Amino acid sequence: MELVPRNTETLGHELEQVRAHFPAVDTINIPDLLKFSLRSWEACGQARRLFPHAVPHLRAIDFDLRKPFPLTENLAQLGIDSVLVIAGDHPLDMSRRVFRTSSVELIRAIKAQSPELKVYAGIDPYRTGIKTELDYVKQKLEAGAAGFFTQPFFDLRLMEIYRDLLSGLEVFWGVSPVLSERSKDYWDNLNNAIFPPDFAPTLEWNRRFARQALEFAQKTDSSLYFMPIRVDLVDYLGGIL
C-alpha cells in the first residue's frame, strides 16, 4: 500500500485502517513529497510499528554525492531495511537546493556505503519506448537495484508485456484508481499513461481492474501495491481484498 505522508495523525489513522481491514497487506511504501514536512523515512518509521515492511521513496536529486549518504544511521534506527530510489521532480520553489544526481548514481552510492540495504528502483512504462525503459532497468540492476516498483498500470495487456520482459525480477505492480475525467487527463497528459478502450472513471471499473491485476500478480508470483489517491481506501479496497 502506498500512503501519502500528510502528517503523523492522518498517516496513523490510515495505517490503522489498513491493518484492521486488510491483513493481507504486509508492506507500506511512502513517497517523499515536498509539500509536506513529514519525510518519507520518518513516516516509514511510524509505519514499521504496525507493518513488517516499510519502504521510503528517496529522490535522487535531493542527494549530494560529494558527501556520504546521510541516512544510513537514521534508517537503521527506524528499522528500515529497504528503500525505493526515484529520480525526483524538480521543485517549483527553486529556493530548495537539488543536485544533478541520477537514480543510477544514487543506487550505486547507497550500495557502496550500505550493502546490506535493499534498494528498489522505479519502472515507468510510459516515460519512453519499451526498449529504452528496459535499458534503464538494466542500468539500475547493474548499479545494485534488487527489485522494482512500477508506475500504476491501467491496462492488463501492457502489464503482461512487461511481465514477460521482466521475467525473473522482483516487481511490485502499481494500481491506482482513476475516478474522474480530470484525473484521467492528468495521467494522459502529464504521464502519457495508456488506458484500455473500455476504461470508465467509475469505482466499479477500477475495482474490477484491481481484482484482475491482483489475480495476475498471484499467477505470476509477483507483488502488487495499491495507490489509493483521493479515495477512501476502505471503500475502494473493500471491493477488492
C-alpha atoms as a PDB file:
ATOM      1  CA  MET A   1       0.000   0.000   0.000  1.00  0.00           C
ATOM      2  CA  GLU A   2       1.303   3.454  -0.884  1.00  0.00           C
ATOM      3  CA  LEU A   3       0.197   6.106   1.604  1.00  0.00           C
ATOM      4  CA  VAL A   4       0.711   9.869   1.440  1.00  0.00           C
ATOM      5  CA  PRO A   5       2.565  11.353   4.465  1.00  0.00           C
ATOM      6  CA  ARG A   6       0.376  14.412   5.036  1.00  0.00           C
ATOM      7  CA  ASN A   7       1.078  14.414   8.779  1.00  0.00           C
ATOM      8  CA  THR A   8       1.613  11.892  11.559  1.00  0.00           C
ATOM      9  CA  GLU A   9      -2.025  11.960  12.699  1.00  0.00           C
ATOM     10  CA  THR A  10      -3.583  11.314   9.283  1.00  0.00           C
ATOM     11  CA  LEU A  11      -0.967   8.723   8.432  1.00  0.00           C
ATOM     12  CA  GLY A  12      -1.514   6.967  11.752  1.00  0.00           C
ATOM     13  CA  HIS A  13      -5.253   6.764  11.073  1.00  0.00           C
ATOM     14  CA  GLU A  14      -4.711   5.296   7.592  1.00  0.00           C
ATOM     15  CA  LEU A  15      -2.160   2.782   8.874  1.00  0.00           C
ATOM     16  CA  GLU A  16      -4.640   1.600  11.490  1.00  0.00           C
ATOM     17  CA  GLN A  17      -7.341   1.319   8.818  1.00  0.00           C
ATOM     18  CA  VAL A  18      -5.138  -0.824   6.591  1.00  0.00           C
ATOM     19  CA  ARG A  19      -4.094  -3.094   9.437  1.00  0.00           C
ATOM     20  CA  ALA A  20      -7.658  -3.517  10.713  1.00  0.00           C
ATOM     21  CA  HIS A  21      -9.390  -4.126   7.395  1.00  0.00           C
ATOM     22  CA  PHE A  22      -6.729  -5.641   5.114  1.00  0.00           C
ATOM     23  CA  PRO A  23      -4.437  -8.068   6.957  1.00  0.00           C
ATOM     24  CA  ALA A  24      -3.048  -9.347   3.638  1.00  0.00           C
ATOM     25  CA  VAL A  25      -1.137  -6.057   3.258  1.00  0.00           C
ATOM     26  CA  ASP A  26       2.379  -6.501   4.638  1.00  0.00           C
ATOM     27  CA  THR A  27       4.274  -3.588   3.069  1.00  0.00           C
ATOM     28  CA  ILE A  28       3.796   0.171   3.187  1.00  0.00           C
ATOM     29  CA  ASN A  29       5.643   2.424   0.754  1.00  0.00           C
ATOM     30  CA  ILE A  30       5.648   6.181   1.225  1.00  0.00           C
ATOM     31  CA  PRO A  31       6.629   8.920  -1.255  1.00  0.00           C
ATOM     32  CA  ASP A  32       8.764  11.888  -0.258  1.00  0.00           C
ATOM     33  CA  LEU A  33       6.583  14.884  -1.144  1.00  0.00           C
ATOM     34  CA  LEU A  34       7.966  18.402  -0.923  1.00  0.00           C
ATOM     35  CA  LYS A  35       4.643  19.981   0.074  1.00  0.00           C
ATOM     36  CA  PHE A  36       4.590  18.026   3.352  1.00  0.00           C
ATOM     37  CA  SER A  37       7.071  18.404   6.201  1.00  0.00           C
ATOM     38  CA  LEU A  38       6.920  14.703   7.159  1.00  0.00           C
ATOM     39  CA  ARG A  39       9.726  12.977   5.280  1.00  0.00           C
ATOM     40  CA  SER A  40       9.261   9.556   3.768  1.00  0.00           C
ATOM     41  CA  TRP A  41      11.714   7.752   6.059  1.00  0.00           C
ATOM     42  CA  GLU A  42      10.184   9.356   9.160  1.00  0.00           C
ATOM     43  CA  ALA A  43       6.745   8.222   8.010  1.00  0.00           C
ATOM     44  CA  CYS A  44       8.100   4.727   7.349  1.00  0.00           C
ATOM     45  CA  GLY A  45       9.472   4.629  10.877  1.00  0.00           C
ATOM     46  CA  GLN A  46       5.881   5.235  12.006  1.00  0.00           C
ATOM     47  CA  ALA A  47       4.606   2.512   9.654  1.00  0.00           C
ATOM     48  CA  ARG A  48       7.154  -0.011  10.939  1.00  0.00           C
ATOM     49  CA  ARG A  49       5.407  -0.033  14.306  1.00  0.00           C
ATOM     50  CA  LEU A  50       2.458  -1.776  12.628  1.00  0.00           C
ATOM     51  CA  PHE A  51       3.823  -3.464   9.492  1.00  0.00           C
ATOM     52  CA  PRO A  52       6.793  -5.753   8.861  1.00  0.00           C
ATOM     53  CA  HIS A  53       7.997  -3.788   5.824  1.00  0.00           C
ATOM     54  CA  ALA A  54       8.098  -0.061   5.085  1.00  0.00           C
ATOM     55  CA  VAL A  55       9.804   1.381   2.009  1.00  0.00           C
ATOM     56  CA  PRO A  56      10.536   5.125   1.829  1.00  0.00           C
ATOM     57  CA  HIS A  57      10.969   6.838  -1.525  1.00  0.00           C
ATOM     58  CA  LEU A  58      14.264   8.690  -1.923  1.00  0.00           C
ATOM     59  CA  ARG A  59      14.516  11.425  -4.550  1.00  0.00           C
ATOM     60  CA  ALA A  60      17.912  11.164  -6.237  1.00  0.00           C
ATOM     61  CA  ILE A  61      18.113  14.895  -6.949  1.00  0.00           C
ATOM     62  CA  ASP A  62      17.970  15.648  -3.199  1.00  0.00           C
ATOM     63  CA  PHE A  63      21.339  13.990  -2.511  1.00  0.00           C
ATOM     64  CA  ASP A  64      24.798  15.458  -2.994  1.00  0.00           C
ATOM     65  CA  LEU A  65      27.059  12.519  -3.834  1.00  0.00           C
ATOM     66  CA  ARG A  66      30.175  14.522  -2.980  1.00  0.00           C
ATOM     67  CA  LYS A  67      29.185  13.704   0.598  1.00  0.00           C
ATOM     68  CA  PRO A  68      28.433  10.328   2.238  1.00  0.00           C
ATOM     69  CA  PHE A  69      24.855   9.078   2.004  1.00  0.00           C
ATOM     70  CA  PRO A  70      23.359  10.813   5.080  1.00  0.00           C
ATOM     71  CA  LEU A  71      20.505   8.468   6.031  1.00  0.00           C
ATOM     72  CA  THR A  72      22.313   5.238   6.896  1.00  0.00           C
ATOM     73  CA  GLU A  73      22.023   5.624  10.680  1.00  0.00           C
ATOM     74  CA  ASN A  74      18.507   7.092  10.512  1.00  0.00           C
ATOM     75  CA  LEU A  75      17.199   4.170   8.500  1.00  0.00           C
ATOM     76  CA  ALA A  76      18.790   1.614  10.821  1.00  0.00           C
ATOM     77  CA  GLN A  77      17.362   3.308  13.911  1.00  0.00           C
ATOM     78  CA  LEU A  78      13.883   3.353  12.337  1.00  0.00           C
ATOM     79  CA  GLY A  79      14.033  -0.339  11.456  1.00  0.00           C
ATOM     80  CA  ILE A  80      14.006   0.310   7.715  1.00  0.00           C
ATOM     81  CA  ASP A  81      15.932  -2.189   5.625  1.00  0.00           C
ATOM     82  CA  SER A  82      14.819  -1.214   2.101  1.00  0.00           C
ATOM     83  CA  VAL A  83      14.326   1.995   0.098  1.00  0.00           C
ATOM     84  CA  LEU A  84      12.928   2.969  -3.287  1.00  0.00           C
ATOM     85  CA  VAL A  85      15.119   5.302  -5.340  1.00  0.00           C
ATOM     86  CA  ILE A  86      13.364   7.549  -7.866  1.00  0.00           C
ATOM     87  CA  ALA A  87      14.715  10.407  -9.955  1.00  0.00           C
ATOM     88  CA  GLY A  88      12.522  13.099  -8.348  1.00  0.00           C
ATOM     89  CA  ASP A  89      10.726  16.057  -9.887  1.00  0.00           C
ATOM     90  CA  HIS A  90      12.356  19.466  -9.652  1.00  0.00           C
ATOM     91  CA  PRO A  91      10.667  21.693  -7.056  1.00  0.00           C
ATOM     92  CA  LEU A  92       8.563  24.637  -8.187  1.00  0.00           C
ATOM     93  CA  ASP A  93      10.191  26.653  -5.414  1.00  0.00           C
ATOM     94  CA  MET A  94      13.805  26.898  -6.550  1.00  0.00           C
ATOM     95  CA  SER A  95      14.899  28.007  -3.072  1.00  0.00           C
ATOM     96  CA  ARG A  96      15.135  24.275  -2.331  1.00  0.00           C
ATOM     97  CA  ARG A  97      18.506  23.014  -3.465  1.00  0.00           C
ATOM     98  CA  VAL A  98      18.720  19.995  -5.755  1.00  0.00           C
ATOM     99  CA  PHE A  99      21.605  18.191  -7.419  1.00  0.00           C
ATOM    100  CA  ARG A 100      22.388  16.539 -10.747  1.00  0.00           C
ATOM    101  CA  THR A 101      22.210  13.090  -9.180  1.00  0.00           C
ATOM    102  CA  SER A 102      20.553  10.354 -11.212  1.00  0.00           C
ATOM    103  CA  SER A 103      18.729   7.308  -9.864  1.00  0.00           C
ATOM    104  CA  VAL A 104      21.525   5.052 -11.081  1.00  0.00           C
ATOM    105  CA  GLU A 105      24.166   7.157  -9.327  1.00  0.00           C
ATOM    106  CA  LEU A 106      22.272   7.200  -6.022  1.00  0.00           C
ATOM    107  CA  ILE A 107      21.621   3.439  -6.148  1.00  0.00           C
ATOM    108  CA  ARG A 108      25.327   2.822  -6.700  1.00  0.00           C
ATOM    109  CA  ALA A 109      26.322   5.196  -3.887  1.00  0.00           C
ATOM    110  CA  ILE A 110      23.893   3.644  -1.390  1.00  0.00           C
ATOM    111  CA  LYS A 111      25.002   0.097  -2.157  1.00  0.00           C
ATOM    112  CA  ALA A 112      28.670   1.072  -1.873  1.00  0.00           C
ATOM    113  CA  GLN A 113      28.136   2.597   1.563  1.00  0.00           C
ATOM    114  CA  SER A 114      25.349   0.327   2.881  1.00  0.00           C
ATOM    115  CA  PRO A 115      25.462  -3.005   1.023  1.00  0.00           C
ATOM    116  CA  GLU A 116      23.006  -4.556   3.494  1.00  0.00           C
ATOM    117  CA  LEU A 117      20.274  -2.078   2.473  1.00  0.00           C
ATOM    118  CA  LYS A 118      17.858  -3.415  -0.142  1.00  0.00           C
ATOM    119  CA  VAL A 119      17.358  -0.863  -2.890  1.00  0.00           C
ATOM    120  CA  TYR A 120      14.343  -0.834  -5.179  1.00  0.00           C
ATOM    121  CA  ALA A 121      14.125   1.296  -8.305  1.00  0.00           C
ATOM    122  CA  GLY A 122      11.273   2.610 -10.414  1.00  0.00           C
ATOM    123  CA  ILE A 123       9.865   1.474 -13.748  1.00  0.00           C
ATOM    124  CA  ASP A 124       7.815   3.920 -15.798  1.00  0.00           C
ATOM    125  CA  PRO A 125       6.141   2.146 -18.737  1.00  0.00           C
ATOM    126  CA  TYR A 126       5.057   5.497 -20.215  1.00  0.00           C
ATOM    127  CA  ARG A 127       8.263   7.534 -19.983  1.00  0.00           C
ATOM    128  CA  THR A 128       9.886   6.298 -23.195  1.00  0.00           C
ATOM    129  CA  GLY A 129       9.668   3.366 -25.549  1.00  0.00           C
ATOM    130  CA  ILE A 130       9.799  -0.125 -24.055  1.00  0.00           C
ATOM    131  CA  LYS A 131      13.333  -0.808 -25.312  1.00  0.00           C
ATOM    132  CA  THR A 132      14.688   2.411 -23.751  1.00  0.00           C
ATOM    133  CA  GLU A 133      12.956   1.703 -20.442  1.00  0.00           C
ATOM    134  CA  LEU A 134      14.368  -1.843 -20.359  1.00  0.00           C
ATOM    135  CA  ASP A 135      17.864  -0.446 -20.972  1.00  0.00           C
ATOM    136  CA  TYR A 136      17.286   1.851 -17.971  1.00  0.00           C
ATOM    137  CA  VAL A 137      16.186  -1.146 -15.899  1.00  0.00           C
ATOM    138  CA  LYS A 138      19.426  -2.902 -16.828  1.00  0.00           C
ATOM    139  CA  GLN A 139      21.494   0.102 -15.717  1.00  0.00           C
ATOM    140  CA  LYS A 140      19.709   0.137 -12.357  1.00  0.00           C
ATOM    141  CA  LEU A 141      20.298  -3.584 -11.881  1.00  0.00           C
ATOM    142  CA  GLU A 142      23.994  -3.155 -12.625  1.00  0.00           C
ATOM    143  CA  ALA A 143      24.128  -0.318 -10.074  1.00  0.00           C
ATOM    144  CA  GLY A 144      22.705  -2.627  -7.384  1.00  0.00           C
ATOM    145  CA  ALA A 145      18.888  -2.467  -7.568  1.00  0.00           C
ATOM    146  CA  ALA A 146      17.283  -5.619  -6.161  1.00  0.00           C
ATOM    147  CA  GLY A 147      13.733  -5.077  -7.422  1.00  0.00           C
ATOM    148  CA  PHE A 148      11.306  -2.569  -8.883  1.00  0.00           C
ATOM    149  CA  PHE A 149       8.113  -0.617  -8.214  1.00  0.00           C
ATOM    150  CA  THR A 150       6.208   0.397 -11.347  1.00  0.00           C
ATOM    151  CA  GLN A 151       4.109   3.417 -12.086  1.00  0.00           C
ATOM    152  CA  PRO A 152       0.415   2.469 -11.941  1.00  0.00           C
ATOM    153  CA  PHE A 153      -0.904   0.334 -14.770  1.00  0.00           C
ATOM    154  CA  PHE A 154      -4.426   0.670 -16.163  1.00  0.00           C
ATOM    155  CA  ASP A 155      -4.251  -1.953 -18.911  1.00  0.00           C
ATOM    156  CA  LEU A 156      -3.680  -5.620 -18.105  1.00  0.00           C
ATOM    157  CA  ARG A 157      -2.302  -6.314 -21.575  1.00  0.00           C
ATOM    158  CA  LEU A 158       0.537  -3.852 -21.016  1.00  0.00           C
ATOM    159  CA  MET A 159       1.275  -5.465 -17.642  1.00  0.00           C
ATOM    160  CA  GLU A 160       1.541  -8.843 -19.358  1.00  0.00           C
ATOM    161  CA  ILE A 161       4.009  -7.488 -21.907  1.00  0.00           C
ATOM    162  CA  TYR A 162       6.205  -6.012 -19.184  1.00  0.00           C
ATOM    163  CA  ARG A 163       5.960  -9.161 -17.081  1.00  0.00           C
ATOM    164  CA  ASP A 164       7.317 -11.233 -19.982  1.00  0.00           C
ATOM    165  CA  LEU A 165      10.177  -8.763 -20.459  1.00  0.00           C
ATOM    166  CA  LEU A 166      10.980  -8.551 -16.724  1.00  0.00           C
ATOM    167  CA  SER A 167      10.878 -12.276 -16.058  1.00  0.00           C
ATOM    168  CA  GLY A 168      12.942 -13.294 -13.024  1.00  0.00           C
ATOM    169  CA  LEU A 169      12.906  -9.842 -11.404  1.00  0.00           C
ATOM    170  CA  GLU A 170      11.092  -8.852  -8.212  1.00  0.00           C
ATOM    171  CA  VAL A 171       8.364  -6.431  -9.248  1.00  0.00           C
ATOM    172  CA  PHE A 172       5.650  -4.555  -7.367  1.00  0.00           C
ATOM    173  CA  TRP A 173       2.978  -3.684  -9.954  1.00  0.00           C
ATOM    174  CA  GLY A 174       1.239  -0.371  -9.250  1.00  0.00           C
ATOM    175  CA  VAL A 175      -2.540   0.061  -9.312  1.00  0.00           C
ATOM    176  CA  SER A 176      -4.291   3.371  -8.662  1.00  0.00           C
ATOM    177  CA  PRO A 177      -7.959   4.335  -9.021  1.00  0.00           C
ATOM    178  CA  VAL A 178      -8.875   6.998 -11.575  1.00  0.00           C
ATOM    179  CA  LEU A 179     -12.345   8.244 -10.734  1.00  0.00           C
ATOM    180  CA  SER A 180     -12.846  11.376 -12.828  1.00  0.00           C
ATOM    181  CA  GLU A 181     -12.145  12.682 -16.321  1.00  0.00           C
ATOM    182  CA  ARG A 182      -9.874  15.295 -14.749  1.00  0.00           C
ATOM    183  CA  SER A 183      -7.800  12.566 -13.121  1.00  0.00           C
ATOM    184  CA  LYS A 184      -7.646  10.648 -16.402  1.00  0.00           C
ATOM    185  CA  ASP A 185      -6.477  13.828 -18.171  1.00  0.00           C
ATOM    186  CA  TYR A 186      -3.683  14.123 -15.586  1.00  0.00           C
ATOM    187  CA  TRP A 187      -2.453  10.603 -16.312  1.00  0.00           C
ATOM    188  CA  ASP A 188      -2.931  11.100 -20.060  1.00  0.00           C
ATOM    189  CA  ASN A 189      -1.240  14.462 -20.435  1.00  0.00           C
ATOM    190  CA  LEU A 190       1.416  14.518 -17.709  1.00  0.00           C
ATOM    191  CA  ASN A 191       2.358  10.844 -17.607  1.00  0.00           C
ATOM    192  CA  ASN A 192       1.384   9.567 -21.078  1.00  0.00           C
ATOM    193  CA  ALA A 193      -0.469   6.682 -19.434  1.00  0.00           C
ATOM    194  CA  ILE A 194      -2.228   4.049 -21.537  1.00  0.00           C
ATOM    195  CA  PHE A 195      -5.878   3.234 -20.837  1.00  0.00           C
ATOM    196  CA  PRO A 196      -7.842   0.393 -22.468  1.00  0.00           C
ATOM    197  CA  PRO A 197     -10.826   1.166 -24.744  1.00  0.00           C
ATOM    198  CA  ASP A 198     -13.319   0.027 -22.101  1.00  0.00           C
ATOM    199  CA  PHE A 199     -11.966   2.324 -19.377  1.00  0.00           C
ATOM    200  CA  ALA A 200     -14.542   4.222 -17.332  1.00  0.00           C
ATOM    201  CA  PRO A 201     -13.742   6.580 -14.406  1.00  0.00           C
ATOM    202  CA  THR A 202     -16.024   4.685 -12.047  1.00  0.00           C
ATOM    203  CA  LEU A 203     -15.432   2.843  -8.801  1.00  0.00           C
ATOM    204  CA  GLU A 204     -16.854  -0.318 -10.374  1.00  0.00           C
ATOM    205  CA  TRP A 205     -14.393  -0.289 -13.289  1.00  0.00           C
ATOM    206  CA  ASN A 206     -11.420   0.471 -11.063  1.00  0.00           C
ATOM    207  CA  ARG A 207     -12.319  -2.268  -8.599  1.00  0.00           C
ATOM    208  CA  ARG A 208     -12.748  -4.775 -11.418  1.00  0.00           C
ATOM    209  CA  PHE A 209      -9.364  -3.878 -12.895  1.00  0.00           C
ATOM    210  CA  ALA A 210      -7.700  -4.061  -9.471  1.00  0.00           C
ATOM    211  CA  ARG A 211      -9.117  -7.560  -8.940  1.00  0.00           C
ATOM    212  CA  GLN A 212      -7.778  -8.617 -12.344  1.00  0.00           C
ATOM    213  CA  ALA A 213      -4.380  -7.138 -11.518  1.00  0.00           C
ATOM    214  CA  LEU A 214      -4.361  -8.960  -8.173  1.00  0.00           C
ATOM    215  CA  GLU A 215      -5.108 -12.270  -9.900  1.00  0.00           C
ATOM    216  CA  PHE A 216      -2.335 -11.508 -12.388  1.00  0.00           C
ATOM    217  CA  ALA A 217       0.159 -10.889  -9.566  1.00  0.00           C
ATOM    218  CA  GLN A 218      -0.849 -14.120  -7.830  1.00  0.00           C
ATOM    219  CA  LYS A 219      -0.497 -16.170 -11.020  1.00  0.00           C
ATOM    220  CA  THR A 220       2.901 -14.674 -11.841  1.00  0.00           C
ATOM    221  CA  ASP A 221       4.247 -14.918  -8.266  1.00  0.00           C
ATOM    222  CA  SER A 222       4.839 -11.178  -8.127  1.00  0.00           C
ATOM    223  CA  SER A 223       3.552  -8.384  -5.890  1.00  0.00           C
ATOM    224  CA  LEU A 224       1.061  -5.574  -6.181  1.00  0.00           C
ATOM    225  CA  TYR A 225       0.837  -2.214  -4.480  1.00  0.00           C
ATOM    226  CA  PHE A 226      -2.245  -0.019  -4.307  1.00  0.00           C
ATOM    227  CA  MET A 227      -2.068   3.753  -4.523  1.00  0.00           C
ATOM    228  CA  PRO A 228      -5.496   4.928  -3.260  1.00  0.00           C
ATOM    229  CA  ILE A 229      -5.229   8.593  -4.247  1.00  0.00           C
ATOM    230  CA  ARG A 230      -8.229  10.818  -3.414  1.00  0.00           C
ATOM    231  CA  VAL A 231     -10.453   7.921  -2.494  1.00  0.00           C
ATOM    232  CA  ASP A 232     -11.483   6.366   0.796  1.00  0.00           C
ATOM    233  CA  LEU A 233      -9.128   3.415   0.979  1.00  0.00           C
ATOM    234  CA  VAL A 234     -11.545   1.184   2.895  1.00  0.00           C
ATOM    235  CA  ASP A 235     -14.352   1.914   0.423  1.00  0.00           C
ATOM    236  CA  TYR A 236     -12.075   1.290  -2.577  1.00  0.00           C
ATOM    237  CA  LEU A 237     -10.242  -1.781  -1.310  1.00  0.00           C
ATOM    238  CA  GLY A 238     -13.302  -3.250   0.369  1.00  0.00           C
ATOM    239  CA  GLY A 239     -14.491  -4.388  -3.050  1.00  0.00           C
ATOM    240  CA  ILE A 240     -11.101  -5.905  -3.934  1.00  0.00           C
ATOM    241  CA  LEU A 241      -9.378  -7.524  -0.955  1.00  0.00           C
END
